[in-house]
Amino acid sequence: MAFAGRGARLGPDRRGTTAVEFALVGSAFFILLLLLMEVCWQVAVGAALDAGGREASRWAATGQSPPPGLTATGHVTNVILTSTGLPLDAGALEVTVESVPGFGQLAVPGAAKPGLGGPGDIVRYTVVYRGRGLTPLGRALLPLGLLQIHFVILAKNEPYPAG
């Protein structure tokens, strides 16, 4: 009889089931939450870099001089970083600027010259950002813990006075 009493007591006793259910469901929820945070961060970085690249290309298309102590390409990089509003790593950003006299020259190998070009030139801005994952889970899932954001902006310089 002692055995039957003990077995009967195990069946209806439900203490601790909420903790076990939370452990099972909660861990999956937190992993999903971390993945969502990671995806949102990477999308925000990509959008901010794109906006910064457009801002920098607008500045360069007018033929303005960069601030003292900076090259034009260096200033374009600074404009991209500062206009994002995000804490991005300057060492992870690579900006390449090349110019050609017209759109037809974009497909010609070797036709592009480094730099912002002159009035009316077509300028190709290649922006590459190799960012780390935001969360440990994101760094573990990304190849080498890095996500590369890469985009190209084509802009035509204004017909500003050369000089």
N, C-alpha and C. Protein backbone atom coordinates (compact mmCIF):
# COMPACT_ATOMS: atom_id res chain seq x y z
N MET A 1 0.79 -1.20 0.00
CA MET A 1 0.00 0.00 0.00
C MET A 1 0.84 1.26 0.00
N ALA A 2 1.96 1.19 0.63
CA ALA A 2 2.83 2.36 0.67
C ALA A 2 3.27 2.72 -0.75
N PHE A 3 3.49 1.69 -1.56
CA PHE A 3 3.90 1.96 -2.94
C PHE A 3 2.79 2.62 -3.74
N ALA A 4 1.57 2.18 -3.58
CA ALA A 4 0.44 2.75 -4.31
C ALA A 4 0.21 4.19 -3.88
N GLY A 5 0.41 4.50 -2.62
CA GLY A 5 0.22 5.87 -2.15
C GLY A 5 1.25 6.82 -2.73
N ARG A 6 2.47 6.34 -2.81
CA ARG A 6 3.53 7.18 -3.37
C ARG A 6 3.30 7.44 -4.87
N GLY A 7 2.90 6.45 -5.62
CA GLY A 7 2.65 6.60 -7.04
C GLY A 7 1.47 7.51 -7.31
N ALA A 8 0.48 7.44 -6.47
CA ALA A 8 -0.69 8.30 -6.64
C ALA A 8 -0.33 9.75 -6.38
N ARG A 9 0.61 9.98 -5.50
CA ARG A 9 1.01 11.34 -5.18
C ARG A 9 1.85 11.97 -6.30
N LEU A 10 2.60 11.19 -7.07
CA LEU A 10 3.42 11.72 -8.16
C LEU A 10 2.59 12.21 -9.33
N GLY A 11 1.50 11.59 -9.61
CA GLY A 11 0.67 11.96 -10.75
C GLY A 11 0.09 13.36 -10.67
N PRO A 12 -0.67 13.71 -9.65
CA PRO A 12 -1.31 15.01 -9.62
C PRO A 12 -0.39 16.15 -9.19
N ASP A 13 0.80 15.88 -8.69
CA ASP A 13 1.70 16.94 -8.22
C ASP A 13 2.30 17.66 -9.44
N ARG A 14 1.96 18.93 -9.62
CA ARG A 14 2.41 19.67 -10.81
C ARG A 14 3.34 20.82 -10.43
N ARG A 15 3.88 20.81 -9.23
CA ARG A 15 4.80 21.88 -8.84
C ARG A 15 6.06 21.81 -9.71
N GLY A 16 6.51 22.96 -10.18
CA GLY A 16 7.74 23.02 -10.99
C GLY A 16 7.51 22.90 -12.49
N THR A 17 6.32 22.58 -12.92
CA THR A 17 6.10 22.43 -14.36
C THR A 17 6.24 23.77 -15.08
N THR A 18 5.86 24.85 -14.42
CA THR A 18 5.99 26.17 -15.05
C THR A 18 7.45 26.51 -15.28
N ALA A 19 8.30 26.19 -14.33
CA ALA A 19 9.73 26.45 -14.48
C ALA A 19 10.32 25.63 -15.62
N VAL A 20 9.92 24.37 -15.72
CA VAL A 20 10.43 23.52 -16.80
C VAL A 20 9.93 24.03 -18.15
N GLU A 21 8.66 24.41 -18.25
CA GLU A 21 8.13 24.93 -19.50
C GLU A 21 8.83 26.24 -19.88
N PHE A 22 9.08 27.11 -18.90
CA PHE A 22 9.79 28.36 -19.19
C PHE A 22 11.20 28.09 -19.67
N ALA A 23 11.87 27.12 -19.07
CA ALA A 23 13.23 26.79 -19.50
C ALA A 23 13.24 26.31 -20.95
N LEU A 24 12.24 25.54 -21.32
CA LEU A 24 12.19 25.03 -22.69
C LEU A 24 11.79 26.12 -23.69
N VAL A 25 10.75 26.86 -23.39
CA VAL A 25 10.24 27.86 -24.31
C VAL A 25 11.07 29.15 -24.22
N GLY A 26 11.49 29.52 -23.03
CA GLY A 26 12.23 30.77 -22.83
C GLY A 26 13.56 30.79 -23.55
N SER A 27 14.28 29.68 -23.54
CA SER A 27 15.58 29.67 -24.22
C SER A 27 15.40 29.85 -25.73
N ALA A 28 14.41 29.20 -26.30
CA ALA A 28 14.15 29.39 -27.74
C ALA A 28 13.72 30.83 -28.02
N PHE A 29 12.94 31.41 -27.14
CA PHE A 29 12.51 32.80 -27.31
C PHE A 29 13.70 33.75 -27.26
N PHE A 30 14.61 33.56 -26.31
CA PHE A 30 15.76 34.45 -26.20
C PHE A 30 16.72 34.30 -27.38
N ILE A 31 16.88 33.10 -27.89
CA ILE A 31 17.71 32.90 -29.09
C ILE A 31 17.08 33.62 -30.27
N LEU A 32 15.78 33.49 -30.42
CA LEU A 32 15.07 34.19 -31.50
C LEU A 32 15.19 35.70 -31.34
N LEU A 33 15.11 36.19 -30.11
CA LEU A 33 15.24 37.62 -29.84
C LEU A 33 16.65 38.12 -30.20
N LEU A 34 17.68 37.35 -29.85
CA LEU A 34 19.05 37.74 -30.20
C LEU A 34 19.25 37.75 -31.71
N LEU A 35 18.70 36.76 -32.41
CA LEU A 35 18.81 36.74 -33.87
C LEU A 35 18.10 37.93 -34.50
N LEU A 36 16.94 38.28 -33.97
CA LEU A 36 16.21 39.44 -34.47
C LEU A 36 17.00 40.73 -34.24
N MET A 37 17.59 40.86 -33.07
CA MET A 37 18.43 42.04 -32.79
C MET A 37 19.60 42.12 -33.77
N GLU A 38 20.22 40.99 -34.05
CA GLU A 38 21.37 40.95 -34.95
C GLU A 38 20.97 41.37 -36.37
N VAL A 39 19.87 40.82 -36.85
CA VAL A 39 19.41 41.16 -38.21
C VAL A 39 19.06 42.64 -38.28
N CYS A 40 18.36 43.15 -37.28
CA CYS A 40 17.98 44.57 -37.29
C CYS A 40 19.21 45.46 -37.25
N TRP A 41 20.20 45.11 -36.47
CA TRP A 41 21.44 45.91 -36.40
C TRP A 41 22.14 45.93 -37.75
N GLN A 42 22.26 44.78 -38.40
CA GLN A 42 22.97 44.73 -39.69
C GLN A 42 22.21 45.50 -40.76
N VAL A 43 20.89 45.44 -40.75
CA VAL A 43 20.09 46.22 -41.71
C VAL A 43 20.25 47.71 -41.43
N ALA A 44 20.26 48.10 -40.16
CA ALA A 44 20.44 49.51 -39.80
C ALA A 44 21.82 50.01 -40.23
N VAL A 45 22.85 49.20 -40.06
CA VAL A 45 24.20 49.59 -40.48
C VAL A 45 24.24 49.77 -42.00
N GLY A 46 23.65 48.83 -42.73
CA GLY A 46 23.63 48.94 -44.19
C GLY A 46 22.89 50.18 -44.67
N ALA A 47 21.75 50.46 -44.07
CA ALA A 47 20.97 51.64 -44.47
C ALA A 47 21.71 52.93 -44.10
N ALA A 48 22.34 52.95 -42.93
CA ALA A 48 23.07 54.15 -42.51
C ALA A 48 24.29 54.39 -43.40
N LEU A 49 25.00 53.33 -43.77
CA LEU A 49 26.14 53.50 -44.67
C LEU A 49 25.69 53.98 -46.04
N ASP A 50 24.58 53.46 -46.52
CA ASP A 50 24.05 53.90 -47.81
C ASP A 50 23.70 55.38 -47.77
N ALA A 51 23.03 55.81 -46.70
CA ALA A 51 22.68 57.23 -46.57
C ALA A 51 23.93 58.08 -46.46
N GLY A 52 24.93 57.61 -45.71
CA GLY A 52 26.19 58.34 -45.60
C GLY A 52 26.92 58.42 -46.93
N GLY A 53 26.88 57.35 -47.71
CA GLY A 53 27.51 57.37 -49.03
C GLY A 53 26.84 58.34 -49.98
N ARG A 54 25.51 58.41 -49.91
CA ARG A 54 24.80 59.39 -50.75
C ARG A 54 25.12 60.81 -50.32
N GLU A 55 25.22 61.05 -49.03
CA GLU A 55 25.57 62.38 -48.52
C GLU A 55 26.97 62.77 -48.98
N ALA A 56 27.91 61.85 -48.89
CA ALA A 56 29.29 62.13 -49.30
C ALA A 56 29.37 62.38 -50.81
N SER A 57 28.62 61.63 -51.60
CA SER A 57 28.67 61.84 -53.05
C SER A 57 28.05 63.17 -53.44
N ARG A 58 27.04 63.62 -52.69
CA ARG A 58 26.47 64.95 -52.96
C ARG A 58 27.49 66.04 -52.65
N TRP A 59 28.24 65.87 -51.56
CA TRP A 59 29.27 66.86 -51.24
C TRP A 59 30.33 66.89 -52.34
N ALA A 60 30.80 65.72 -52.76
CA ALA A 60 31.88 65.65 -53.73
C ALA A 60 31.45 66.13 -55.12
N ALA A 61 30.19 65.96 -55.48
CA ALA A 61 29.72 66.32 -56.82
C ALA A 61 29.74 67.82 -57.06
N THR A 62 29.82 68.61 -55.99
CA THR A 62 29.81 70.07 -56.16
C THR A 62 31.21 70.66 -56.31
N GLY A 63 32.25 69.83 -56.17
CA GLY A 63 33.61 70.31 -56.38
C GLY A 63 34.18 71.11 -55.22
N GLN A 64 33.61 70.98 -54.03
CA GLN A 64 34.13 71.71 -52.88
C GLN A 64 35.48 71.15 -52.45
N SER A 65 36.24 71.98 -51.78
CA SER A 65 37.53 71.55 -51.25
C SER A 65 37.32 70.88 -49.90
N PRO A 66 38.11 69.84 -49.61
CA PRO A 66 37.98 69.19 -48.30
C PRO A 66 38.56 70.10 -47.21
N PRO A 67 38.21 69.84 -45.97
CA PRO A 67 38.78 70.62 -44.87
C PRO A 67 40.31 70.48 -44.83
N PRO A 68 40.99 71.45 -44.26
CA PRO A 68 42.46 71.36 -44.19
C PRO A 68 42.92 70.09 -43.48
N GLY A 69 43.94 69.48 -44.04
CA GLY A 69 44.51 68.27 -43.45
C GLY A 69 43.88 66.98 -43.94
N LEU A 70 42.87 67.07 -44.79
CA LEU A 70 42.22 65.86 -45.31
C LEU A 70 42.27 65.85 -46.83
N THR A 71 42.43 64.66 -47.37
CA THR A 71 42.29 64.50 -48.81
C THR A 71 40.79 64.44 -49.13
N ALA A 72 40.45 64.57 -50.39
CA ALA A 72 39.04 64.50 -50.77
C ALA A 72 38.46 63.13 -50.44
N THR A 73 39.21 62.07 -50.72
CA THR A 73 38.73 60.73 -50.40
C THR A 73 38.63 60.52 -48.89
N GLY A 74 39.58 61.06 -48.14
CA GLY A 74 39.51 60.98 -46.68
C GLY A 74 38.30 61.70 -46.13
N HIS A 75 37.97 62.83 -46.73
CA HIS A 75 36.78 63.57 -46.28
C HIS A 75 35.51 62.80 -46.64
N VAL A 76 35.47 62.17 -47.79
CA VAL A 76 34.32 61.34 -48.17
C VAL A 76 34.13 60.24 -47.13
N THR A 77 35.21 59.60 -46.72
CA THR A 77 35.13 58.54 -45.70
C THR A 77 34.61 59.11 -44.38
N ASN A 78 35.12 60.28 -43.98
CA ASN A 78 34.64 60.91 -42.74
C ASN A 78 33.16 61.27 -42.81
N VAL A 79 32.73 61.77 -43.95
CA VAL A 79 31.31 62.13 -44.11
C VAL A 79 30.44 60.88 -43.98
N ILE A 80 30.88 59.79 -44.58
CA ILE A 80 30.11 58.55 -44.49
C ILE A 80 29.99 58.11 -43.03
N LEU A 81 31.12 58.11 -42.31
CA LEU A 81 31.10 57.66 -40.92
C LEU A 81 30.29 58.57 -40.00
N THR A 82 30.45 59.87 -40.15
CA THR A 82 29.78 60.79 -39.23
C THR A 82 28.29 60.95 -39.53
N SER A 83 27.90 60.78 -40.77
CA SER A 83 26.49 60.97 -41.09
C SER A 83 25.64 59.74 -40.77
N THR A 84 26.26 58.62 -40.45
CA THR A 84 25.47 57.42 -40.12
C THR A 84 24.79 57.56 -38.78
N GLY A 85 25.43 58.23 -37.83
CA GLY A 85 24.86 58.34 -36.49
C GLY A 85 25.01 57.08 -35.67
N LEU A 86 25.74 56.10 -36.18
CA LEU A 86 25.95 54.84 -35.47
C LEU A 86 27.41 54.72 -35.04
N PRO A 87 27.68 53.98 -33.98
CA PRO A 87 29.07 53.80 -33.54
C PRO A 87 29.77 52.76 -34.41
N LEU A 88 30.25 53.18 -35.56
CA LEU A 88 30.89 52.27 -36.50
C LEU A 88 32.40 52.35 -36.37
N ASP A 89 33.06 51.27 -36.72
CA ASP A 89 34.52 51.18 -36.66
C ASP A 89 35.11 51.76 -37.94
N ALA A 90 35.90 52.83 -37.79
CA ALA A 90 36.50 53.48 -38.97
C ALA A 90 37.49 52.55 -39.66
N GLY A 91 38.14 51.68 -38.92
CA GLY A 91 39.09 50.74 -39.52
C GLY A 91 38.42 49.67 -40.36
N ALA A 92 37.13 49.46 -40.16
CA ALA A 92 36.41 48.44 -40.92
C ALA A 92 35.81 48.98 -42.21
N LEU A 93 35.93 50.31 -42.42
CA LEU A 93 35.35 50.94 -43.61
C LEU A 93 36.43 51.18 -44.65
N GLU A 94 36.13 50.77 -45.86
CA GLU A 94 37.04 50.98 -46.99
C GLU A 94 36.26 51.67 -48.11
N VAL A 95 36.75 52.84 -48.52
CA VAL A 95 36.08 53.61 -49.57
C VAL A 95 37.05 53.78 -50.73
N THR A 96 36.61 53.41 -51.91
CA THR A 96 37.41 53.59 -53.12
C THR A 96 36.65 54.54 -54.03
N VAL A 97 37.35 55.56 -54.54
CA VAL A 97 36.72 56.56 -55.40
C VAL A 97 37.48 56.59 -56.73
N GLU A 98 36.73 56.40 -57.82
CA GLU A 98 37.31 56.43 -59.16
C GLU A 98 36.42 57.28 -60.05
N SER A 99 37.02 57.93 -61.04
CA SER A 99 36.24 58.77 -61.95
C SER A 99 36.55 58.42 -63.40
N VAL A 100 35.54 58.62 -64.24
CA VAL A 100 35.68 58.44 -65.69
C VAL A 100 34.99 59.62 -66.36
N PRO A 101 35.36 59.92 -67.61
CA PRO A 101 34.76 61.08 -68.27
C PRO A 101 33.29 60.92 -68.63
N GLY A 102 32.81 59.70 -68.83
CA GLY A 102 31.42 59.49 -69.20
C GLY A 102 30.95 58.11 -68.83
N PHE A 103 29.64 57.89 -68.87
CA PHE A 103 29.09 56.60 -68.49
C PHE A 103 29.61 55.46 -69.37
N GLY A 104 29.85 55.73 -70.62
CA GLY A 104 30.36 54.70 -71.53
C GLY A 104 31.72 54.17 -71.14
N GLN A 105 32.48 54.97 -70.42
CA GLN A 105 33.83 54.56 -70.01
C GLN A 105 33.83 53.65 -68.77
N LEU A 106 32.70 53.50 -68.11
CA LEU A 106 32.64 52.65 -66.91
C LEU A 106 32.98 51.20 -67.22
N ALA A 107 32.62 50.72 -68.41
CA ALA A 107 32.86 49.33 -68.78
C ALA A 107 34.24 49.10 -69.38
N VAL A 108 34.98 50.16 -69.64
CA VAL A 108 36.30 50.02 -70.26
C VAL A 108 37.33 49.75 -69.17
N PRO A 109 38.02 48.60 -69.25
CA PRO A 109 39.03 48.30 -68.23
C PRO A 109 40.16 49.33 -68.25
N GLY A 110 40.54 49.79 -67.10
CA GLY A 110 41.65 50.74 -66.98
C GLY A 110 41.30 52.19 -67.28
N ALA A 111 40.06 52.47 -67.63
CA ALA A 111 39.69 53.85 -67.97
C ALA A 111 39.50 54.72 -66.73
N ALA A 112 39.20 54.11 -65.59
CA ALA A 112 38.93 54.88 -64.37
C ALA A 112 40.23 55.39 -63.75
N LYS A 113 40.18 56.64 -63.29
CA LYS A 113 41.31 57.25 -62.58
C LYS A 113 40.93 57.39 -61.12
N PRO A 114 41.88 57.17 -60.21
CA PRO A 114 41.54 57.37 -58.80
C PRO A 114 41.24 58.84 -58.51
N GLY A 115 40.30 59.07 -57.63
CA GLY A 115 39.97 60.45 -57.24
C GLY A 115 38.57 60.86 -57.65
N LEU A 116 38.25 62.10 -57.31
CA LEU A 116 36.88 62.61 -57.51
C LEU A 116 36.64 63.17 -58.90
N GLY A 117 37.65 63.21 -59.74
CA GLY A 117 37.48 63.70 -61.11
C GLY A 117 37.24 65.19 -61.17
N GLY A 118 36.74 65.63 -62.31
CA GLY A 118 36.50 67.05 -62.53
C GLY A 118 35.04 67.32 -62.85
N PRO A 119 34.76 68.54 -63.33
CA PRO A 119 33.37 68.90 -63.67
C PRO A 119 32.79 67.96 -64.72
N GLY A 120 31.59 67.46 -64.46
CA GLY A 120 30.90 66.61 -65.42
C GLY A 120 31.36 65.16 -65.45
N ASP A 121 32.38 64.80 -64.68
CA ASP A 121 32.85 63.41 -64.67
C ASP A 121 31.87 62.51 -63.91
N ILE A 122 31.94 61.23 -64.24
CA ILE A 122 31.17 60.21 -63.53
C ILE A 122 32.09 59.62 -62.46
N VAL A 123 31.60 59.58 -61.24
CA VAL A 123 32.42 59.10 -60.12
C VAL A 123 31.76 57.85 -59.54
N ARG A 124 32.60 56.81 -59.37
CA ARG A 124 32.14 55.56 -58.77
C ARG A 124 32.71 55.46 -57.36
N TYR A 125 31.80 55.42 -56.38
CA TYR A 125 32.17 55.26 -54.97
C TYR A 125 31.89 53.81 -54.60
N THR A 126 32.92 53.08 -54.22
CA THR A 126 32.76 51.70 -53.77
C THR A 126 32.98 51.69 -52.26
N VAL A 127 31.96 51.31 -51.54
CA VAL A 127 32.02 51.32 -50.07
C VAL A 127 31.92 49.88 -49.58
N VAL A 128 32.90 49.48 -48.76
CA VAL A 128 32.91 48.15 -48.17
C VAL A 128 33.09 48.31 -46.66
N TYR A 129 32.19 47.71 -45.91
CA TYR A 129 32.27 47.74 -44.45
C TYR A 129 32.25 46.31 -43.93
N ARG A 130 33.28 45.94 -43.20
CA ARG A 130 33.36 44.60 -42.62
C ARG A 130 33.09 44.72 -41.12
N GLY A 131 31.83 44.56 -40.77
CA GLY A 131 31.41 44.74 -39.39
C GLY A 131 31.28 43.43 -38.65
N ARG A 132 31.55 43.49 -37.36
CA ARG A 132 31.38 42.32 -36.50
C ARG A 132 29.91 42.20 -36.12
N GLY A 133 29.54 41.01 -35.71
CA GLY A 133 28.20 40.79 -35.22
C GLY A 133 27.98 41.57 -33.94
N LEU A 134 26.75 41.94 -33.70
CA LEU A 134 26.40 42.71 -32.51
C LEU A 134 26.37 41.83 -31.26
N THR A 135 25.85 40.64 -31.39
CA THR A 135 25.70 39.74 -30.26
C THR A 135 26.68 38.57 -30.40
N PRO A 136 26.99 37.88 -29.31
CA PRO A 136 27.84 36.69 -29.42
C PRO A 136 27.23 35.63 -30.34
N LEU A 137 25.92 35.51 -30.32
CA LEU A 137 25.26 34.56 -31.20
C LEU A 137 25.45 34.96 -32.66
N GLY A 138 25.33 36.25 -32.95
CA GLY A 138 25.54 36.73 -34.32
C GLY A 138 26.96 36.52 -34.78
N ARG A 139 27.93 36.77 -33.89
CA ARG A 139 29.33 36.54 -34.26
C ARG A 139 29.61 35.07 -34.50
N ALA A 140 28.91 34.21 -33.76
CA ALA A 140 29.11 32.77 -33.94
C ALA A 140 28.51 32.28 -35.25
N LEU A 141 27.42 32.89 -35.69
CA LEU A 141 26.75 32.44 -36.91
C LEU A 141 27.35 33.02 -38.19
N LEU A 142 27.97 34.21 -38.09
CA LEU A 142 28.54 34.84 -39.28
C LEU A 142 29.87 34.18 -39.62
N PRO A 143 30.20 34.06 -40.91
CA PRO A 143 31.51 33.51 -41.27
C PRO A 143 32.61 34.42 -40.73
N LEU A 144 33.51 33.84 -39.97
CA LEU A 144 34.62 34.56 -39.33
C LEU A 144 34.12 35.65 -38.39
N GLY A 145 32.85 35.63 -38.03
CA GLY A 145 32.29 36.65 -37.14
C GLY A 145 32.08 37.99 -37.79
N LEU A 146 32.23 38.06 -39.13
CA LEU A 146 32.13 39.33 -39.85
C LEU A 146 31.01 39.29 -40.87
N LEU A 147 30.42 40.45 -41.09
CA LEU A 147 29.45 40.61 -42.16
C LEU A 147 29.95 41.73 -43.05
N GLN A 148 30.06 41.46 -44.33
CA GLN A 148 30.55 42.48 -45.26
C GLN A 148 29.37 43.14 -45.95
N ILE A 149 29.31 44.47 -45.82
CA ILE A 149 28.32 45.27 -46.51
C ILE A 149 29.05 45.97 -47.64
N HIS A 150 28.60 45.78 -48.86
CA HIS A 150 29.31 46.29 -50.03
C HIS A 150 28.29 46.91 -50.98
N PHE A 151 28.54 48.17 -51.35
CA PHE A 151 27.65 48.81 -52.33
C PHE A 151 28.44 49.82 -53.14
N VAL A 152 27.88 50.18 -54.28
CA VAL A 152 28.51 51.11 -55.22
C VAL A 152 27.52 52.24 -55.51
N ILE A 153 28.04 53.46 -55.52
CA ILE A 153 27.24 54.63 -55.87
C ILE A 153 27.87 55.26 -57.10
N LEU A 154 27.07 55.54 -58.11
CA LEU A 154 27.53 56.28 -59.28
C LEU A 154 26.91 57.67 -59.22
N ALA A 155 27.74 58.67 -59.41
CA ALA A 155 27.25 60.05 -59.37
C ALA A 155 27.95 60.85 -60.46
N LYS A 156 27.23 61.80 -61.00
CA LYS A 156 27.80 62.69 -62.00
C LYS A 156 28.10 64.02 -61.33
N ASN A 157 29.34 64.48 -61.48
CA ASN A 157 29.73 65.75 -60.90
C ASN A 157 28.98 66.90 -61.56
N GLU A 158 28.73 67.93 -60.77
CA GLU A 158 28.11 69.15 -61.29
C GLU A 158 29.06 69.83 -62.28
N PRO A 159 28.55 70.67 -63.15
CA PRO A 159 29.44 71.43 -64.06
C PRO A 159 30.02 72.65 -63.35
N TYR A 160 30.73 72.40 -62.24
CA TYR A 160 31.32 73.50 -61.48
C TYR A 160 32.56 74.03 -62.20
N PRO A 161 32.97 75.26 -61.89
CA PRO A 161 34.17 75.79 -62.53
C PRO A 161 35.41 75.03 -62.08
N ALA A 162 36.21 74.60 -63.02
CA ALA A 162 37.44 73.85 -62.69
C ALA A 162 38.45 74.80 -62.05
N GLY A 163 39.20 74.23 -61.13
CA GLY A 163 40.25 75.07 -60.58
C GLY A 163 40.37 74.88 -59.16
